[in-house]
Amino acid sequence: MNTIYVFLSTLINVLSFAIFIRAILSWFPMRPDNPIAVILVQITEPILGPLRKVVPMVGMMDITPLVAIILLQVMSRLVDYMAYSYY
């Protein structure tokens, strides 16, 4: 059972990091066929896509990555709580 919690925690951390890197890279001009950009979009779009339908733009800024990272961190806390309450 501990393996599941470790996997979920690691997955959440990797997703948070990928979203953060994608947000930072969006500030720089980059070709859409760049391999790093393609991989980051493939990893993060399943999370960011549905959130974009719910989270409004703030002026010209898309705050969806911030909301996604906050939600992932809340999920991480829940996984940690479940892992420690199980033992």
N, C-alpha and C. Protein backbone atom coordinates (compact mmCIF):
# COMPACT_ATOMS: atom_id res chain seq x y z
N MET A 1 0.82 -1.19 0.00
CA MET A 1 0.00 0.00 0.00
C MET A 1 0.86 1.25 0.00
N ASN A 2 2.00 1.18 0.66
CA ASN A 2 2.90 2.33 0.71
C ASN A 2 3.40 2.70 -0.68
N THR A 3 3.56 1.72 -1.55
CA THR A 3 4.03 1.97 -2.91
C THR A 3 3.05 2.85 -3.68
N ILE A 4 1.78 2.66 -3.45
CA ILE A 4 0.76 3.47 -4.12
C ILE A 4 0.88 4.92 -3.69
N TYR A 5 1.05 5.16 -2.40
CA TYR A 5 1.18 6.53 -1.91
C TYR A 5 2.45 7.20 -2.43
N VAL A 6 3.53 6.46 -2.49
CA VAL A 6 4.78 7.01 -3.02
C VAL A 6 4.61 7.34 -4.51
N PHE A 7 3.96 6.45 -5.26
CA PHE A 7 3.72 6.69 -6.67
C PHE A 7 2.86 7.94 -6.88
N LEU A 8 1.76 8.05 -6.13
CA LEU A 8 0.88 9.21 -6.27
C LEU A 8 1.59 10.50 -5.90
N SER A 9 2.35 10.46 -4.84
CA SER A 9 3.09 11.65 -4.41
C SER A 9 4.11 12.06 -5.47
N THR A 10 4.82 11.09 -6.02
CA THR A 10 5.81 11.38 -7.06
C THR A 10 5.13 11.92 -8.33
N LEU A 11 4.03 11.33 -8.72
CA LEU A 11 3.28 11.77 -9.89
C LEU A 11 2.82 13.22 -9.72
N ILE A 12 2.29 13.54 -8.56
CA ILE A 12 1.83 14.90 -8.30
C ILE A 12 2.98 15.89 -8.35
N ASN A 13 4.12 15.52 -7.78
CA ASN A 13 5.29 16.40 -7.82
C ASN A 13 5.81 16.61 -9.25
N VAL A 14 5.84 15.55 -10.04
CA VAL A 14 6.30 15.67 -11.43
C VAL A 14 5.34 16.55 -12.23
N LEU A 15 4.04 16.37 -12.04
CA LEU A 15 3.07 17.19 -12.74
C LEU A 15 3.18 18.66 -12.34
N SER A 16 3.36 18.93 -11.06
CA SER A 16 3.52 20.30 -10.59
C SER A 16 4.76 20.94 -11.22
N PHE A 17 5.85 20.19 -11.25
CA PHE A 17 7.09 20.70 -11.83
C PHE A 17 6.92 20.95 -13.33
N ALA A 18 6.26 20.04 -14.04
CA ALA A 18 6.05 20.20 -15.48
C ALA A 18 5.18 21.42 -15.78
N ILE A 19 4.15 21.64 -14.97
CA ILE A 19 3.30 22.82 -15.16
C ILE A 19 4.09 24.10 -14.90
N PHE A 20 4.91 24.08 -13.86
CA PHE A 20 5.73 25.25 -13.54
C PHE A 20 6.69 25.56 -14.70
N ILE A 21 7.38 24.55 -15.21
CA ILE A 21 8.32 24.74 -16.31
C ILE A 21 7.59 25.24 -17.56
N ARG A 22 6.42 24.68 -17.83
CA ARG A 22 5.66 25.14 -19.00
C ARG A 22 5.25 26.60 -18.86
N ALA A 23 4.86 27.00 -17.66
CA ALA A 23 4.48 28.39 -17.44
C ALA A 23 5.69 29.32 -17.63
N ILE A 24 6.84 28.93 -17.12
CA ILE A 24 8.05 29.75 -17.27
C ILE A 24 8.45 29.83 -18.75
N LEU A 25 8.42 28.71 -19.44
CA LEU A 25 8.80 28.70 -20.85
C LEU A 25 7.84 29.49 -21.73
N SER A 26 6.61 29.70 -21.27
CA SER A 26 5.66 30.47 -22.07
C SER A 26 6.05 31.94 -22.14
N TRP A 27 6.94 32.38 -21.29
CA TRP A 27 7.40 33.77 -21.33
C TRP A 27 8.42 34.02 -22.43
N PHE A 28 8.98 32.95 -22.99
CA PHE A 28 10.03 33.06 -23.99
C PHE A 28 9.52 32.58 -25.33
N PRO A 29 9.97 33.23 -26.42
CA PRO A 29 9.55 32.77 -27.74
C PRO A 29 10.14 31.38 -28.02
N MET A 30 9.28 30.48 -28.42
CA MET A 30 9.72 29.11 -28.67
C MET A 30 8.89 28.55 -29.81
N ARG A 31 9.54 27.82 -30.68
CA ARG A 31 8.81 27.20 -31.78
C ARG A 31 7.89 26.10 -31.23
N PRO A 32 6.69 25.98 -31.79
CA PRO A 32 5.76 24.97 -31.27
C PRO A 32 6.21 23.54 -31.51
N ASP A 33 7.14 23.32 -32.44
CA ASP A 33 7.62 21.97 -32.68
C ASP A 33 8.87 21.63 -31.88
N ASN A 34 9.24 22.49 -30.95
CA ASN A 34 10.37 22.21 -30.06
C ASN A 34 10.05 20.96 -29.24
N PRO A 35 10.97 19.99 -29.18
CA PRO A 35 10.67 18.73 -28.47
C PRO A 35 10.32 18.92 -27.00
N ILE A 36 10.97 19.86 -26.34
CA ILE A 36 10.66 20.11 -24.92
C ILE A 36 9.24 20.64 -24.78
N ALA A 37 8.89 21.59 -25.64
CA ALA A 37 7.54 22.16 -25.59
C ALA A 37 6.48 21.10 -25.89
N VAL A 38 6.75 20.24 -26.85
CA VAL A 38 5.79 19.19 -27.22
C VAL A 38 5.57 18.23 -26.05
N ILE A 39 6.65 17.83 -25.40
CA ILE A 39 6.53 16.91 -24.26
C ILE A 39 5.78 17.57 -23.11
N LEU A 40 6.11 18.83 -22.82
CA LEU A 40 5.43 19.52 -21.71
C LEU A 40 3.94 19.69 -21.99
N VAL A 41 3.59 19.99 -23.23
CA VAL A 41 2.17 20.13 -23.58
C VAL A 41 1.46 18.79 -23.42
N GLN A 42 2.09 17.71 -23.88
CA GLN A 42 1.47 16.40 -23.76
C GLN A 42 1.27 15.99 -22.31
N ILE A 43 2.20 16.36 -21.44
CA ILE A 43 2.10 16.00 -20.03
C ILE A 43 1.07 16.86 -19.30
N THR A 44 1.05 18.15 -19.59
CA THR A 44 0.26 19.07 -18.78
C THR A 44 -1.13 19.39 -19.33
N GLU A 45 -1.34 19.23 -20.61
CA GLU A 45 -2.62 19.62 -21.19
C GLU A 45 -3.82 18.85 -20.65
N PRO A 46 -3.69 17.57 -20.29
CA PRO A 46 -4.85 16.89 -19.69
C PRO A 46 -5.31 17.53 -18.37
N ILE A 47 -4.44 18.25 -17.71
CA ILE A 47 -4.81 18.93 -16.47
C ILE A 47 -5.24 20.37 -16.77
N LEU A 48 -4.45 21.06 -17.59
CA LEU A 48 -4.71 22.48 -17.84
C LEU A 48 -5.90 22.71 -18.76
N GLY A 49 -6.12 21.83 -19.71
CA GLY A 49 -7.22 22.00 -20.67
C GLY A 49 -8.59 22.13 -20.01
N PRO A 50 -9.00 21.16 -19.19
CA PRO A 50 -10.30 21.28 -18.53
C PRO A 50 -10.37 22.46 -17.56
N LEU A 51 -9.26 22.79 -16.91
CA LEU A 51 -9.27 23.92 -15.99
C LEU A 51 -9.47 25.25 -16.71
N ARG A 52 -8.96 25.35 -17.94
CA ARG A 52 -9.12 26.59 -18.71
C ARG A 52 -10.58 26.90 -18.99
N LYS A 53 -11.41 25.86 -19.04
CA LYS A 53 -12.84 26.06 -19.27
C LYS A 53 -13.53 26.64 -18.04
N VAL A 54 -12.91 26.46 -16.86
CA VAL A 54 -13.53 26.89 -15.60
C VAL A 54 -12.90 28.17 -15.06
N VAL A 55 -11.58 28.29 -15.17
CA VAL A 55 -10.85 29.42 -14.59
C VAL A 55 -10.83 30.56 -15.60
N PRO A 56 -11.34 31.73 -15.21
CA PRO A 56 -11.34 32.86 -16.15
C PRO A 56 -9.95 33.49 -16.27
N MET A 57 -9.73 34.17 -17.38
CA MET A 57 -8.49 34.92 -17.57
C MET A 57 -8.54 36.15 -16.67
N VAL A 58 -7.40 36.55 -16.17
CA VAL A 58 -7.28 37.77 -15.38
C VAL A 58 -6.56 38.78 -16.26
N GLY A 59 -7.33 39.65 -16.90
CA GLY A 59 -6.74 40.56 -17.87
C GLY A 59 -6.22 39.76 -19.04
N MET A 60 -4.92 39.90 -19.30
CA MET A 60 -4.28 39.15 -20.38
C MET A 60 -3.53 37.93 -19.85
N MET A 61 -3.67 37.65 -18.55
CA MET A 61 -2.89 36.58 -17.93
C MET A 61 -3.75 35.35 -17.67
N ASP A 62 -3.20 34.21 -18.05
CA ASP A 62 -3.84 32.92 -17.80
C ASP A 62 -3.33 32.40 -16.46
N ILE A 63 -4.21 32.32 -15.47
CA ILE A 63 -3.79 31.86 -14.14
C ILE A 63 -4.06 30.38 -13.94
N THR A 64 -4.42 29.69 -15.01
CA THR A 64 -4.70 28.26 -14.92
C THR A 64 -3.53 27.45 -14.36
N PRO A 65 -2.27 27.71 -14.76
CA PRO A 65 -1.17 26.95 -14.15
C PRO A 65 -1.08 27.13 -12.64
N LEU A 66 -1.32 28.34 -12.17
CA LEU A 66 -1.29 28.59 -10.73
C LEU A 66 -2.39 27.80 -10.02
N VAL A 67 -3.58 27.82 -10.56
CA VAL A 67 -4.70 27.08 -9.97
C VAL A 67 -4.41 25.58 -10.00
N ALA A 68 -3.84 25.10 -11.10
CA ALA A 68 -3.53 23.67 -11.21
C ALA A 68 -2.49 23.26 -10.17
N ILE A 69 -1.46 24.07 -9.99
CA ILE A 69 -0.43 23.74 -9.00
C ILE A 69 -1.01 23.75 -7.59
N ILE A 70 -1.87 24.70 -7.30
CA ILE A 70 -2.50 24.75 -5.97
C ILE A 70 -3.36 23.50 -5.76
N LEU A 71 -4.14 23.12 -6.75
CA LEU A 71 -4.97 21.92 -6.62
C LEU A 71 -4.11 20.66 -6.46
N LEU A 72 -3.02 20.59 -7.21
CA LEU A 72 -2.13 19.43 -7.07
C LEU A 72 -1.49 19.38 -5.68
N GLN A 73 -1.15 20.53 -5.13
CA GLN A 73 -0.57 20.54 -3.79
C GLN A 73 -1.59 20.13 -2.72
N VAL A 74 -2.84 20.53 -2.92
CA VAL A 74 -3.91 20.08 -2.01
C VAL A 74 -4.06 18.56 -2.11
N MET A 75 -4.02 18.04 -3.33
CA MET A 75 -4.09 16.59 -3.51
C MET A 75 -2.90 15.90 -2.86
N SER A 76 -1.72 16.50 -2.96
CA SER A 76 -0.53 15.94 -2.33
C SER A 76 -0.69 15.87 -0.82
N ARG A 77 -1.25 16.90 -0.24
CA ARG A 77 -1.50 16.90 1.21
C ARG A 77 -2.49 15.81 1.59
N LEU A 78 -3.52 15.62 0.77
CA LEU A 78 -4.49 14.57 1.05
C LEU A 78 -3.86 13.18 0.96
N VAL A 79 -3.00 12.99 -0.03
CA VAL A 79 -2.31 11.70 -0.17
C VAL A 79 -1.41 11.48 1.04
N ASP A 80 -0.68 12.51 1.45
CA ASP A 80 0.17 12.38 2.64
C ASP A 80 -0.65 12.05 3.88
N TYR A 81 -1.78 12.73 4.03
CA TYR A 81 -2.64 12.47 5.18
C TYR A 81 -3.15 11.03 5.17
N MET A 82 -3.57 10.56 4.00
CA MET A 82 -4.07 9.19 3.91
C MET A 82 -2.95 8.19 4.17
N ALA A 83 -1.75 8.48 3.70
CA ALA A 83 -0.63 7.57 3.91
C ALA A 83 -0.28 7.47 5.38
N TYR A 84 -0.27 8.60 6.08
CA TYR A 84 0.10 8.57 7.49
C TYR A 84 -1.03 8.09 8.40
N SER A 85 -2.27 8.29 7.99
CA SER A 85 -3.38 7.80 8.80
C SER A 85 -3.57 6.30 8.62
N TYR A 86 -3.05 5.76 7.52
CA TYR A 86 -3.17 4.32 7.28
C TYR A 86 -2.28 3.54 8.22
N TYR A 87 -1.12 4.12 8.59
CA TYR A 87 -0.19 3.40 9.45
C TYR A 87 -0.35 3.76 10.86
